[in-house]
Amino acid sequence: MDTIESTDLNEGAELYEHHRFIVDMGQQILRIDKFLFNKLVNISRTKVQNAAQAGNILVNDNPVKPNYKIKPGDIISIVLPHPPHEFELIPENIPINIIYEDDDLIIVNKEAGMVVHPGHGNYTGTLVNALTYYLKDLPLFQSGEIRPGLVHRIDKDTSGILVIAKTDFALNHLAKQFFDRTTHRSYLALVWGNFDTPEGIIEGNIGRDPKNRLKMHVFPDGEEGKNAITHYKVIEPLGYVNLIECQLETGRTHQIRVHMAHIGHPIFNDERYGGDKIIKGTTFTKYRQFIQNCFQVMPRHALHAKSLGFKHPRTGKIMQFESELPQDMQSVIDKWHKYIHGRELE
């Protein structure tokens, strides 16, 4: 049987082809989940079944379900969210902005630019690498798991609040709160364009974009993807952009970014979802230069995880944490203040 070691399937999409098998001509007919469980190391049958349900197990280039019966000559490839144990999680002494810590959890104010957990192209320098060093004496961070203690995450270029569990008990308790949608999460975002109403709700299933695996896509009719609900409220109109607050009922990948782009208000300087060009405003050269200056001051999308509320896993006490806007995002808002004031004086 031929086995081809893991190769990148899609740059940056957190999907990889780990193994490729050509089934022996003498192989007995067998369920594919059992076959792969027997062939692959460091992977549970449940993970194999989940991969199949997600369409990430292919036979002769076609996705199959876990109960597919393999046949001699079949070409099988399995695609997983991350390599099971193909790299070692290296503890790294990287500074972490911890704003609260007790025996059960840590609250981190993550800087923009830091990846939360290891993945393709980011095996070191992540928040998890830093936490694995800082918490190296705790069993949860000695397990070898790629995402120890994580119950949620924010994008690399999003700044703000994250909670990390320090024990299995806290991890399971917090995970259930996120699953049950009893946590409170608030974000601040600078978005293009003015709104017809000062607040609203965006509801639309979110799934992988069928035309670009690096992006997410809104499926408004619910035929694909997972249910996603975002509440937004205008905090301050700033001419051709608005500072808004978003509250999440669900926590889908890129949820705020893709939802705001879907309703025609992409996040300012969000390259992936079209906010890195002039969406609203004038055609004057001076205005174009002003926007470019803003992009240079904040070379990332203008999204910040402002607050997080939840019930403490051990004490039951309601915990609420806030994070101030980072300097780059505040500087851009200040620039818009001056720009608007300058127009009013003209």
C-alpha atoms as a PDB file:
ATOM      1  CA  MET A   1       0.000   0.000   0.000  1.00  0.00           C
ATOM      2  CA  ASP A   2       1.314   3.437  -0.918  1.00  0.00           C
ATOM      3  CA  THR A   3       1.223   6.209   1.642  1.00  0.00           C
ATOM      4  CA  ILE A   4       1.997   9.797   0.735  1.00  0.00           C
ATOM      5  CA  GLU A   5       2.890  11.922   3.742  1.00  0.00           C
ATOM      6  CA  SER A   6       0.981  15.101   4.510  1.00  0.00           C
ATOM      7  CA  THR A   7       0.956  17.852   1.890  1.00  0.00           C
ATOM      8  CA  ASP A   8      -0.662  21.279   2.006  1.00  0.00           C
ATOM      9  CA  LEU A   9      -4.098  21.193   0.495  1.00  0.00           C
ATOM     10  CA  ASN A  10      -4.876  24.877   0.638  1.00  0.00           C
ATOM     11  CA  GLU A  11      -2.543  27.598   1.841  1.00  0.00           C
ATOM     12  CA  GLY A  12      -3.854  29.161   5.037  1.00  0.00           C
ATOM     13  CA  ALA A  13      -7.189  27.355   5.050  1.00  0.00           C
ATOM     14  CA  GLU A  14      -6.251  25.122   7.986  1.00  0.00           C
ATOM     15  CA  LEU A  15      -7.004  22.054   5.917  1.00  0.00           C
ATOM     16  CA  TYR A  16      -4.353  19.522   5.009  1.00  0.00           C
ATOM     17  CA  GLU A  17      -4.146  16.187   3.247  1.00  0.00           C
ATOM     18  CA  HIS A  18      -2.395  14.013   5.797  1.00  0.00           C
ATOM     19  CA  HIS A  19      -2.444  10.647   4.088  1.00  0.00           C
ATOM     20  CA  ARG A  20      -3.303   9.082   0.798  1.00  0.00           C
ATOM     21  CA  PHE A  21      -3.912   5.354   0.441  1.00  0.00           C
ATOM     22  CA  ILE A  22      -4.376   3.045  -2.491  1.00  0.00           C
ATOM     23  CA  VAL A  23      -6.335   0.085  -1.187  1.00  0.00           C
ATOM     24  CA  ASP A  24      -4.639  -3.294  -1.705  1.00  0.00           C
ATOM     25  CA  MET A  25      -6.254  -5.617  -4.216  1.00  0.00           C
ATOM     26  CA  GLY A  26      -6.571  -8.225  -1.462  1.00  0.00           C
ATOM     27  CA  GLN A  27      -8.299  -5.904   1.004  1.00  0.00           C
ATOM     28  CA  GLN A  28     -11.609  -7.157   2.402  1.00  0.00           C
ATOM     29  CA  ILE A  29     -14.640  -4.895   2.188  1.00  0.00           C
ATOM     30  CA  LEU A  30     -14.636  -2.702   5.307  1.00  0.00           C
ATOM     31  CA  ARG A  31     -16.216   0.516   6.569  1.00  0.00           C
ATOM     32  CA  ILE A  32     -13.926   3.414   5.735  1.00  0.00           C
ATOM     33  CA  ASP A  33     -13.967   4.867   9.254  1.00  0.00           C
ATOM     34  CA  LYS A  34     -12.739   1.567  10.689  1.00  0.00           C
ATOM     35  CA  PHE A  35     -10.160   1.196   7.917  1.00  0.00           C
ATOM     36  CA  LEU A  36      -8.677   4.653   8.573  1.00  0.00           C
ATOM     37  CA  PHE A  37      -8.805   4.222  12.344  1.00  0.00           C
ATOM     38  CA  ASN A  38      -6.686   1.098  11.927  1.00  0.00           C
ATOM     39  CA  LYS A  39      -4.230   2.774   9.540  1.00  0.00           C
ATOM     40  CA  LEU A  40      -3.693   6.190  11.115  1.00  0.00           C
ATOM     41  CA  VAL A  41      -1.882   6.843  14.372  1.00  0.00           C
ATOM     42  CA  ASN A  42      -2.870   9.375  17.038  1.00  0.00           C
ATOM     43  CA  ILE A  43      -6.422   9.736  15.818  1.00  0.00           C
ATOM     44  CA  SER A  44      -9.714   8.506  17.249  1.00  0.00           C
ATOM     45  CA  ARG A  45     -12.486   6.876  15.263  1.00  0.00           C
ATOM     46  CA  THR A  46     -14.726   9.789  16.268  1.00  0.00           C
ATOM     47  CA  LYS A  47     -12.354  12.254  14.598  1.00  0.00           C
ATOM     48  CA  VAL A  48     -12.368  10.118  11.468  1.00  0.00           C
ATOM     49  CA  GLN A  49     -16.175  10.084  11.480  1.00  0.00           C
ATOM     50  CA  ASN A  50     -16.318  13.850  12.004  1.00  0.00           C
ATOM     51  CA  ALA A  51     -13.961  14.341   9.079  1.00  0.00           C
ATOM     52  CA  ALA A  52     -16.224  12.210   6.908  1.00  0.00           C
ATOM     53  CA  GLN A  53     -19.345  14.098   7.975  1.00  0.00           C
ATOM     54  CA  ALA A  54     -17.580  17.336   7.003  1.00  0.00           C
ATOM     55  CA  GLY A  55     -16.829  15.979   3.549  1.00  0.00           C
ATOM     56  CA  ASN A  56     -13.103  15.706   4.259  1.00  0.00           C
ATOM     57  CA  ILE A  57     -12.638  12.042   3.399  1.00  0.00           C
ATOM     58  CA  LEU A  58     -12.404  11.445  -0.318  1.00  0.00           C
ATOM     59  CA  VAL A  59     -12.543   8.198  -2.252  1.00  0.00           C
ATOM     60  CA  ASN A  60     -11.481   8.555  -5.858  1.00  0.00           C
ATOM     61  CA  ASP A  61     -11.802  12.349  -5.366  1.00  0.00           C
ATOM     62  CA  ASN A  62     -15.400  12.161  -4.117  1.00  0.00           C
ATOM     63  CA  PRO A  63     -16.477  12.784  -0.497  1.00  0.00           C
ATOM     64  CA  VAL A  64     -17.921   9.771   1.320  1.00  0.00           C
ATOM     65  CA  LYS A  65     -19.748   9.097   4.582  1.00  0.00           C
ATOM     66  CA  PRO A  66     -18.278   7.089   7.496  1.00  0.00           C
ATOM     67  CA  ASN A  67     -20.207   3.953   6.498  1.00  0.00           C
ATOM     68  CA  TYR A  68     -18.752   3.844   2.980  1.00  0.00           C
ATOM     69  CA  LYS A  69     -17.409   0.347   2.248  1.00  0.00           C
ATOM     70  CA  ILE A  70     -13.949   0.469   0.730  1.00  0.00           C
ATOM     71  CA  LYS A  71     -13.089  -1.689  -2.276  1.00  0.00           C
ATOM     72  CA  PRO A  72      -9.790  -2.914  -3.705  1.00  0.00           C
ATOM     73  CA  GLY A  73      -8.145  -0.213  -5.806  1.00  0.00           C
ATOM     74  CA  ASP A  74      -9.920   2.686  -4.093  1.00  0.00           C
ATOM     75  CA  ILE A  75      -7.785   5.835  -3.698  1.00  0.00           C
ATOM     76  CA  ILE A  76      -8.461   7.316  -0.279  1.00  0.00           C
ATOM     77  CA  SER A  77      -7.360  10.695   1.051  1.00  0.00           C
ATOM     78  CA  ILE A  78      -8.241  12.135   4.452  1.00  0.00           C
ATOM     79  CA  VAL A  79      -8.254  15.857   5.122  1.00  0.00           C
ATOM     80  CA  LEU A  80      -8.259  17.138   8.715  1.00  0.00           C
ATOM     81  CA  PRO A  81      -8.393  20.590  10.353  1.00  0.00           C
ATOM     82  CA  HIS A  82      -4.825  20.268  11.640  1.00  0.00           C
ATOM     83  CA  PRO A  83      -2.109  17.606  11.781  1.00  0.00           C
ATOM     84  CA  PRO A  84      -2.908  15.228  14.673  1.00  0.00           C
ATOM     85  CA  HIS A  85       0.658  15.055  15.995  1.00  0.00           C
ATOM     86  CA  GLU A  86       2.832  15.965  13.047  1.00  0.00           C
ATOM     87  CA  PHE A  87       4.680  18.686  14.918  1.00  0.00           C
ATOM     88  CA  GLU A  88       5.693  19.204  18.495  1.00  0.00           C
ATOM     89  CA  LEU A  89       4.036  22.023  20.422  1.00  0.00           C
ATOM     90  CA  ILE A  90       7.033  24.041  21.584  1.00  0.00           C
ATOM     91  CA  PRO A  91       6.697  26.088  24.802  1.00  0.00           C
ATOM     92  CA  GLU A  92       7.995  29.605  24.157  1.00  0.00           C
ATOM     93  CA  ASN A  93       8.743  32.372  26.616  1.00  0.00           C
ATOM     94  CA  ILE A  94       6.656  35.034  24.866  1.00  0.00           C
ATOM     95  CA  PRO A  95       5.136  37.941  26.820  1.00  0.00           C
ATOM     96  CA  ILE A  96       1.387  37.635  27.400  1.00  0.00           C
ATOM     97  CA  ASN A  97      -0.873  40.496  28.474  1.00  0.00           C
ATOM     98  CA  ILE A  98      -2.737  38.749  31.305  1.00  0.00           C
ATOM     99  CA  ILE A  99      -5.400  40.947  32.892  1.00  0.00           C
ATOM    100  CA  TYR A 100      -6.802  38.312  35.296  1.00  0.00           C
ATOM    101  CA  GLU A 101      -5.761  34.897  36.564  1.00  0.00           C
ATOM    102  CA  ASP A 102      -6.910  32.413  39.203  1.00  0.00           C
ATOM    103  CA  ASP A 103      -6.604  28.656  39.727  1.00  0.00           C
ATOM    104  CA  ASP A 104      -9.160  27.899  37.012  1.00  0.00           C
ATOM    105  CA  LEU A 105      -8.692  30.370  34.188  1.00  0.00           C
ATOM    106  CA  ILE A 106      -6.727  33.192  32.598  1.00  0.00           C
ATOM    107  CA  ILE A 107      -8.039  36.280  30.820  1.00  0.00           C
ATOM    108  CA  VAL A 108      -5.705  37.515  28.070  1.00  0.00           C
ATOM    109  CA  ASN A 109      -5.817  40.788  26.166  1.00  0.00           C
ATOM    110  CA  LYS A 110      -4.396  39.595  22.833  1.00  0.00           C
ATOM    111  CA  GLU A 111      -2.494  41.990  20.623  1.00  0.00           C
ATOM    112  CA  ALA A 112      -3.292  42.204  16.923  1.00  0.00           C
ATOM    113  CA  GLY A 113      -0.867  40.149  14.869  1.00  0.00           C
ATOM    114  CA  MET A 114      -0.587  37.210  17.277  1.00  0.00           C
ATOM    115  CA  VAL A 115      -1.999  33.901  16.067  1.00  0.00           C
ATOM    116  CA  VAL A 116      -4.035  32.129  18.756  1.00  0.00           C
ATOM    117  CA  HIS A 117      -3.016  28.525  18.102  1.00  0.00           C
ATOM    118  CA  PRO A 118      -0.537  26.673  15.862  1.00  0.00           C
ATOM    119  CA  GLY A 119      -1.515  25.830  12.322  1.00  0.00           C
ATOM    120  CA  HIS A 120      -0.074  25.793   8.827  1.00  0.00           C
ATOM    121  CA  GLY A 121       2.629  28.444   8.574  1.00  0.00           C
ATOM    122  CA  ASN A 122       2.336  29.353  12.258  1.00  0.00           C
ATOM    123  CA  TYR A 123       3.846  26.525  14.278  1.00  0.00           C
ATOM    124  CA  THR A 124       5.624  28.888  16.672  1.00  0.00           C
ATOM    125  CA  GLY A 125       5.052  32.327  18.125  1.00  0.00           C
ATOM    126  CA  THR A 126       1.377  31.710  18.878  1.00  0.00           C
ATOM    127  CA  LEU A 127      -0.572  32.433  22.038  1.00  0.00           C
ATOM    128  CA  VAL A 128      -0.767  28.695  22.721  1.00  0.00           C
ATOM    129  CA  ASN A 129       3.040  28.394  22.491  1.00  0.00           C
ATOM    130  CA  ALA A 130       3.293  31.186  25.045  1.00  0.00           C
ATOM    131  CA  LEU A 131       0.648  29.658  27.338  1.00  0.00           C
ATOM    132  CA  THR A 132       2.269  26.231  27.140  1.00  0.00           C
ATOM    133  CA  TYR A 133       5.448  27.783  28.510  1.00  0.00           C
ATOM    134  CA  TYR A 134       3.698  29.894  31.142  1.00  0.00           C
ATOM    135  CA  LEU A 135       1.517  26.989  32.342  1.00  0.00           C
ATOM    136  CA  LYS A 136       4.004  24.181  31.746  1.00  0.00           C
ATOM    137  CA  ASP A 137       3.435  22.715  35.230  1.00  0.00           C
ATOM    138  CA  LEU A 138      -0.294  22.154  34.652  1.00  0.00           C
ATOM    139  CA  PRO A 139      -1.480  18.743  33.339  1.00  0.00           C
ATOM    140  CA  LEU A 140      -3.760  20.324  30.723  1.00  0.00           C
ATOM    141  CA  PHE A 141      -0.753  22.016  29.130  1.00  0.00           C
ATOM    142  CA  GLN A 142       1.365  18.862  29.207  1.00  0.00           C
ATOM    143  CA  SER A 143      -1.149  16.835  27.196  1.00  0.00           C
ATOM    144  CA  GLY A 144       0.364  17.540  23.779  1.00  0.00           C
ATOM    145  CA  GLU A 145      -2.952  18.893  22.504  1.00  0.00           C
ATOM    146  CA  ILE A 146      -2.651  21.623  19.892  1.00  0.00           C
ATOM    147  CA  ARG A 147      -5.288  23.823  21.532  1.00  0.00           C
ATOM    148  CA  PRO A 148      -5.021  23.204  25.285  1.00  0.00           C
ATOM    149  CA  GLY A 149      -7.426  25.299  27.326  1.00  0.00           C
ATOM    150  CA  LEU A 150      -9.014  27.057  24.343  1.00  0.00           C
ATOM    151  CA  VAL A 151     -12.792  27.346  24.253  1.00  0.00           C
ATOM    152  CA  HIS A 152     -12.911  30.150  21.675  1.00  0.00           C
ATOM    153  CA  ARG A 153     -10.514  32.145  19.536  1.00  0.00           C
ATOM    154  CA  ILE A 154     -10.206  35.421  17.659  1.00  0.00           C
ATOM    155  CA  ASP A 155      -8.472  36.046  14.347  1.00  0.00           C
ATOM    156  CA  LYS A 156      -4.786  36.851  14.104  1.00  0.00           C
ATOM    157  CA  ASP A 157      -5.396  40.523  13.289  1.00  0.00           C
ATOM    158  CA  THR A 158      -8.256  40.967  15.749  1.00  0.00           C
ATOM    159  CA  SER A 159      -7.243  42.335  19.140  1.00  0.00           C
ATOM    160  CA  GLY A 160      -8.910  41.851  22.498  1.00  0.00           C
ATOM    161  CA  ILE A 161     -10.230  39.561  25.217  1.00  0.00           C
ATOM    162  CA  LEU A 162      -9.849  35.771  25.380  1.00  0.00           C
ATOM    163  CA  VAL A 163     -10.530  33.326  28.223  1.00  0.00           C
ATOM    164  CA  ILE A 164      -8.298  30.262  28.610  1.00  0.00           C
ATOM    165  CA  ALA A 165      -9.075  27.348  30.925  1.00  0.00           C
ATOM    166  CA  LYS A 166      -6.319  26.025  33.196  1.00  0.00           C
ATOM    167  CA  THR A 167      -8.023  22.747  34.144  1.00  0.00           C
ATOM    168  CA  ASP A 168     -10.152  20.119  32.413  1.00  0.00           C
ATOM    169  CA  PHE A 169     -13.049  20.999  34.716  1.00  0.00           C
ATOM    170  CA  ALA A 170     -12.904  24.673  33.750  1.00  0.00           C
ATOM    171  CA  LEU A 171     -12.458  23.797  30.079  1.00  0.00           C
ATOM    172  CA  ASN A 172     -15.591  21.652  29.979  1.00  0.00           C
ATOM    173  CA  HIS A 173     -17.632  24.110  32.045  1.00  0.00           C
ATOM    174  CA  LEU A 174     -16.678  27.087  29.868  1.00  0.00           C
ATOM    175  CA  ALA A 175     -17.161  25.104  26.652  1.00  0.00           C
ATOM    176  CA  LYS A 176     -20.755  24.347  27.668  1.00  0.00           C
ATOM    177  CA  GLN A 177     -21.427  28.041  28.349  1.00  0.00           C
ATOM    178  CA  PHE A 178     -20.210  28.931  24.860  1.00  0.00           C
ATOM    179  CA  PHE A 179     -22.249  26.075  23.387  1.00  0.00           C
ATOM    180  CA  ASP A 180     -25.357  27.157  25.304  1.00  0.00           C
ATOM    181  CA  ARG A 181     -24.792  30.798  24.232  1.00  0.00           C
ATOM    182  CA  THR A 182     -24.869  32.069  27.803  1.00  0.00           C
ATOM    183  CA  THR A 183     -21.633  34.052  27.456  1.00  0.00           C
ATOM    184  CA  HIS A 184     -21.664  37.763  26.597  1.00  0.00           C
ATOM    185  CA  ARG A 185     -19.253  38.916  23.896  1.00  0.00           C
ATOM    186  CA  SER A 186     -18.981  42.470  22.624  1.00  0.00           C
ATOM    187  CA  TYR A 187     -16.778  43.761  19.796  1.00  0.00           C
ATOM    188  CA  LEU A 188     -16.004  47.216  18.449  1.00  0.00           C
ATOM    189  CA  ALA A 189     -15.561  47.590  14.700  1.00  0.00           C
ATOM    190  CA  LEU A 190     -14.985  50.432  12.277  1.00  0.00           C
ATOM    191  CA  VAL A 191     -17.027  49.724   9.152  1.00  0.00           C
ATOM    192  CA  TRP A 192     -17.626  51.402   5.823  1.00  0.00           C
ATOM    193  CA  GLY A 193     -20.839  53.309   5.131  1.00  0.00           C
ATOM    194  CA  ASN A 194     -23.825  54.716   6.973  1.00  0.00           C
ATOM    195  CA  PHE A 195     -26.751  52.671   8.256  1.00  0.00           C
ATOM    196  CA  ASP A 196     -30.459  53.220   7.662  1.00  0.00           C
ATOM    197  CA  THR A 197     -31.204  52.337  11.284  1.00  0.00           C
ATOM    198  CA  PRO A 198     -28.961  52.763  14.353  1.00  0.00           C
ATOM    199  CA  GLU A 199     -29.098  49.076  15.237  1.00  0.00           C
ATOM    200  CA  GLY A 200     -30.029  45.778  13.728  1.00  0.00           C
ATOM    201  CA  ILE A 201     -29.625  42.006  13.569  1.00  0.00           C
ATOM    202  CA  ILE A 202     -27.830  40.043  10.880  1.00  0.00           C
ATOM    203  CA  GLU A 203     -28.823  36.406  10.543  1.00  0.00           C
ATOM    204  CA  GLY A 204     -27.399  34.164   7.870  1.00  0.00           C
ATOM    205  CA  ASN A 205     -25.721  30.772   7.821  1.00  0.00           C
ATOM    206  CA  ILE A 206     -21.938  30.928   7.559  1.00  0.00           C
ATOM    207  CA  GLY A 207     -19.828  28.320   5.805  1.00  0.00           C
ATOM    208  CA  ARG A 208     -16.703  27.996   3.730  1.00  0.00           C
ATOM    209  CA  ASP A 209     -16.857  30.029   0.514  1.00  0.00           C
ATOM    210  CA  PRO A 210     -17.234  27.519  -2.339  1.00  0.00           C
ATOM    211  CA  LYS A 211     -15.153  29.747  -4.629  1.00  0.00           C
ATOM    212  CA  ASN A 212     -12.392  30.631  -2.158  1.00  0.00           C
ATOM    213  CA  ARG A 213     -11.465  28.274   0.684  1.00  0.00           C
ATOM    214  CA  LEU A 214      -9.659  31.096   2.500  1.00  0.00           C
ATOM    215  CA  LYS A 215     -12.918  32.986   2.998  1.00  0.00           C
ATOM    216  CA  MET A 216     -16.231  32.361   4.690  1.00  0.00           C
ATOM    217  CA  HIS A 217     -19.552  32.982   2.960  1.00  0.00           C
ATOM    218  CA  VAL A 218     -23.096  33.829   4.067  1.00  0.00           C
ATOM    219  CA  PHE A 219     -25.801  31.446   2.853  1.00  0.00           C
ATOM    220  CA  PRO A 220     -28.928  33.506   3.671  1.00  0.00           C
ATOM    221  CA  ASP A 221     -31.402  30.768   2.747  1.00  0.00           C
ATOM    222  CA  GLY A 222     -29.807  28.345   5.187  1.00  0.00           C
ATOM    223  CA  GLU A 223     -29.097  25.693   2.602  1.00  0.00           C
ATOM    224  CA  GLU A 224     -25.486  25.407   3.750  1.00  0.00           C
ATOM    225  CA  GLY A 225     -23.230  26.467   6.602  1.00  0.00           C
ATOM    226  CA  LYS A 226     -24.066  26.942  10.286  1.00  0.00           C
ATOM    227  CA  ASN A 227     -26.558  29.318  11.846  1.00  0.00           C
ATOM    228  CA  ALA A 228     -24.993  32.676  12.792  1.00  0.00           C
ATOM    229  CA  ILE A 229     -26.548  35.732  14.467  1.00  0.00           C
ATOM    230  CA  THR A 230     -24.868  39.111  14.964  1.00  0.00           C
ATOM    231  CA  HIS A 231     -26.427  42.130  16.724  1.00  0.00           C
ATOM    232  CA  TYR A 232     -24.969  45.530  15.850  1.00  0.00           C
ATOM    233  CA  LYS A 233     -25.442  49.086  17.117  1.00  0.00           C
ATOM    234  CA  VAL A 234     -23.964  52.319  15.793  1.00  0.00           C
ATOM    235  CA  ILE A 235     -21.803  53.940  18.471  1.00  0.00           C
ATOM    236  CA  GLU A 236     -20.553  56.923  16.474  1.00  0.00           C
ATOM    237  CA  PRO A 237     -21.035  58.045  12.852  1.00  0.00           C
ATOM    238  CA  LEU A 238     -17.731  59.228  11.392  1.00  0.00           C
ATOM    239  CA  GLY A 239     -18.566  60.530   7.972  1.00  0.00           C
ATOM    240  CA  TYR A 240     -18.006  57.728   5.487  1.00  0.00           C
ATOM    241  CA  VAL A 241     -17.381  55.123   8.198  1.00  0.00           C
ATOM    242  CA  ASN A 242     -19.141  54.194  11.441  1.00  0.00           C
ATOM    243  CA  LEU A 243     -17.894  52.892  14.750  1.00  0.00           C
ATOM    244  CA  ILE A 244     -20.234  50.070  15.752  1.00  0.00           C
ATOM    245  CA  GLU A 245     -20.608  47.605  18.592  1.00  0.00           C
ATOM    246  CA  CYS A 246     -21.373  43.968  17.745  1.00  0.00           C
ATOM    247  CA  GLN A 247     -22.689  41.294  20.063  1.00  0.00           C
ATOM    248  CA  LEU A 248     -22.513  37.650  19.089  1.00  0.00           C
ATOM    249  CA  GLU A 249     -25.140  35.014  19.698  1.00  0.00           C
ATOM    250  CA  THR A 250     -22.991  32.491  17.848  1.00  0.00           C
ATOM    251  CA  GLY A 251     -19.254  32.221  17.282  1.00  0.00           C
ATOM    252  CA  ARG A 252     -18.577  31.252  13.688  1.00  0.00           C
ATOM    253  CA  THR A 253     -15.256  31.744  11.902  1.00  0.00           C
ATOM    254  CA  HIS A 254     -14.943  35.385  10.698  1.00  0.00           C
ATOM    255  CA  GLN A 255     -18.564  35.949  11.783  1.00  0.00           C
ATOM    256  CA  ILE A 256     -18.561  39.725  12.222  1.00  0.00           C
ATOM    257  CA  ARG A 257     -16.285  40.269   9.235  1.00  0.00           C
ATOM    258  CA  VAL A 258     -18.354  38.210   6.808  1.00  0.00           C
ATOM    259  CA  HIS A 259     -21.738  39.350   8.174  1.00  0.00           C
ATOM    260  CA  MET A 260     -20.842  43.041   7.854  1.00  0.00           C
ATOM    261  CA  ALA A 261     -19.484  42.522   4.345  1.00  0.00           C
ATOM    262  CA  HIS A 262     -22.672  40.638   3.468  1.00  0.00           C
ATOM    263  CA  ILE A 263     -24.867  43.670   4.287  1.00  0.00           C
ATOM    264  CA  GLY A 264     -22.565  46.050   2.417  1.00  0.00           C
ATOM    265  CA  HIS A 265     -20.564  47.408   5.370  1.00  0.00           C
ATOM    266  CA  PRO A 266     -17.180  45.633   5.285  1.00  0.00           C
ATOM    267  CA  ILE A 267     -14.802  46.289   8.151  1.00  0.00           C
ATOM    268  CA  PHE A 268     -12.342  49.095   7.490  1.00  0.00           C
ATOM    269  CA  ASN A 269      -9.093  47.748   5.968  1.00  0.00           C
ATOM    270  CA  ASP A 270     -10.319  44.138   5.950  1.00  0.00           C
ATOM    271  CA  GLU A 271      -8.380  42.831   2.976  1.00  0.00           C
ATOM    272  CA  ARG A 272     -10.106  39.451   2.864  1.00  0.00           C
ATOM    273  CA  TYR A 273     -13.644  40.841   2.718  1.00  0.00           C
ATOM    274  CA  GLY A 274     -13.163  43.938   0.594  1.00  0.00           C
ATOM    275  CA  GLY A 275     -12.674  46.637   3.200  1.00  0.00           C
ATOM    276  CA  ASP A 276      -9.132  47.530   2.110  1.00  0.00           C
ATOM    277  CA  LYS A 277     -10.291  49.896  -0.629  1.00  0.00           C
ATOM    278  CA  ILE A 278     -12.400  53.030  -0.684  1.00  0.00           C
ATOM    279  CA  ILE A 279     -16.031  51.932  -0.435  1.00  0.00           C
ATOM    280  CA  LYS A 280     -17.594  55.303   0.418  1.00  0.00           C
ATOM    281  CA  GLY A 281     -16.419  58.889   0.044  1.00  0.00           C
ATOM    282  CA  THR A 282     -15.175  61.343  -2.548  1.00  0.00           C
ATOM    283  CA  THR A 283     -12.924  60.977  -5.556  1.00  0.00           C
ATOM    284  CA  PHE A 284     -10.571  63.726  -4.416  1.00  0.00           C
ATOM    285  CA  THR A 285      -6.870  62.929  -4.279  1.00  0.00           C
ATOM    286  CA  LYS A 286      -6.665  64.402  -0.776  1.00  0.00           C
ATOM    287  CA  TYR A 287      -9.323  61.951   0.438  1.00  0.00           C
ATOM    288  CA  ARG A 288      -7.594  58.970  -1.164  1.00  0.00           C
ATOM    289  CA  GLN A 289      -4.366  59.967   0.554  1.00  0.00           C
ATOM    290  CA  PHE A 290      -6.198  60.293   3.865  1.00  0.00           C
ATOM    291  CA  ILE A 291      -7.515  56.719   3.552  1.00  0.00           C
ATOM    292  CA  GLN A 292      -4.055  55.391   2.653  1.00  0.00           C
ATOM    293  CA  ASN A 293      -2.637  57.133   5.709  1.00  0.00           C
ATOM    294  CA  CYS A 294      -5.279  55.428   7.855  1.00  0.00           C
ATOM    295  CA  PHE A 295      -4.402  52.042   6.362  1.00  0.00           C
ATOM    296  CA  GLN A 296      -0.732  52.647   7.147  1.00  0.00           C
ATOM    297  CA  VAL A 297      -1.474  53.589  10.748  1.00  0.00           C
ATOM    298  CA  MET A 298      -3.558  50.435  11.170  1.00  0.00           C
ATOM    299  CA  PRO A 299      -2.389  47.778   8.674  1.00  0.00           C
ATOM    300  CA  ARG A 300      -5.094  45.314   9.726  1.00  0.00           C
ATOM    301  CA  HIS A 301      -8.867  45.080   9.913  1.00  0.00           C
ATOM    302  CA  ALA A 302     -10.460  47.397  12.496  1.00  0.00           C
ATOM    303  CA  LEU A 303     -11.982  44.837  14.854  1.00  0.00           C
ATOM    304  CA  HIS A 304     -11.476  44.561  18.619  1.00  0.00           C
ATOM    305  CA  ALA A 305     -12.913  42.066  21.122  1.00  0.00           C
ATOM    306  CA  LYS A 306     -13.937  44.633  23.711  1.00  0.00           C
ATOM    307  CA  SER A 307     -15.615  42.604  26.448  1.00  0.00           C
ATOM    308  CA  LEU A 308     -16.376  39.090  27.631  1.00  0.00           C
ATOM    309  CA  GLY A 309     -18.796  37.944  30.311  1.00  0.00           C
ATOM    310  CA  PHE A 310     -19.386  34.429  31.667  1.00  0.00           C
ATOM    311  CA  LYS A 311     -20.076  32.465  34.839  1.00  0.00           C
ATOM    312  CA  HIS A 312     -16.985  31.375  36.748  1.00  0.00           C
ATOM    313  CA  PRO A 313     -16.729  27.576  36.374  1.00  0.00           C
ATOM    314  CA  ARG A 314     -16.022  26.941  40.057  1.00  0.00           C
ATOM    315  CA  THR A 315     -17.614  29.773  42.045  1.00  0.00           C
ATOM    316  CA  GLY A 316     -20.598  30.478  39.787  1.00  0.00           C
ATOM    317  CA  LYS A 317     -19.878  34.204  40.049  1.00  0.00           C
ATOM    318  CA  ILE A 318     -20.603  36.346  36.979  1.00  0.00           C
ATOM    319  CA  MET A 319     -17.277  37.551  35.558  1.00  0.00           C
ATOM    320  CA  GLN A 320     -17.054  40.561  33.231  1.00  0.00           C
ATOM    321  CA  PHE A 321     -13.869  41.817  31.558  1.00  0.00           C
ATOM    322  CA  GLU A 322     -13.237  44.883  29.406  1.00  0.00           C
ATOM    323  CA  SER A 323     -10.383  45.870  27.080  1.00  0.00           C
ATOM    324  CA  GLU A 324      -9.562  49.371  25.875  1.00  0.00           C
ATOM    325  CA  LEU A 325      -9.172  50.027  22.170  1.00  0.00           C
ATOM    326  CA  PRO A 326      -5.581  49.409  21.026  1.00  0.00           C
ATOM    327  CA  GLN A 327      -3.576  52.429  19.977  1.00  0.00           C
ATOM    328  CA  ASP A 328      -3.655  51.753  16.217  1.00  0.00           C
ATOM    329  CA  MET A 329      -7.444  51.562  16.065  1.00  0.00           C
ATOM    330  CA  GLN A 330      -7.869  54.570  18.348  1.00  0.00           C
ATOM    331  CA  SER A 331      -5.454  56.558  16.173  1.00  0.00           C
ATOM    332  CA  VAL A 332      -7.529  55.859  13.060  1.00  0.00           C
ATOM    333  CA  ILE A 333     -10.709  56.933  14.842  1.00  0.00           C
ATOM    334  CA  ASP A 334      -8.940  60.126  15.926  1.00  0.00           C
ATOM    335  CA  LYS A 335      -7.951  60.738  12.296  1.00  0.00           C
ATOM    336  CA  TRP A 336     -11.598  60.463  11.253  1.00  0.00           C
ATOM    337  CA  HIS A 337     -12.554  62.943  13.967  1.00  0.00           C
ATOM    338  CA  LYS A 338     -10.087  65.458  12.546  1.00  0.00           C
ATOM    339  CA  TYR A 339     -11.170  64.748   8.979  1.00  0.00           C
ATOM    340  CA  ILE A 340     -14.844  65.378   9.808  1.00  0.00           C
ATOM    341  CA  HIS A 341     -13.979  68.527  11.759  1.00  0.00           C
ATOM    342  CA  GLY A 342     -11.917  69.795   8.824  1.00  0.00           C
ATOM    343  CA  ARG A 343     -14.817  69.276   6.431  1.00  0.00           C
ATOM    344  CA  GLU A 344     -17.175  71.152   8.749  1.00  0.00           C
ATOM    345  CA  LEU A 345     -14.824  74.135   8.736  1.00  0.00           C
ATOM    346  CA  GLU A 346     -14.625  74.260   4.946  1.00  0.00           C
END
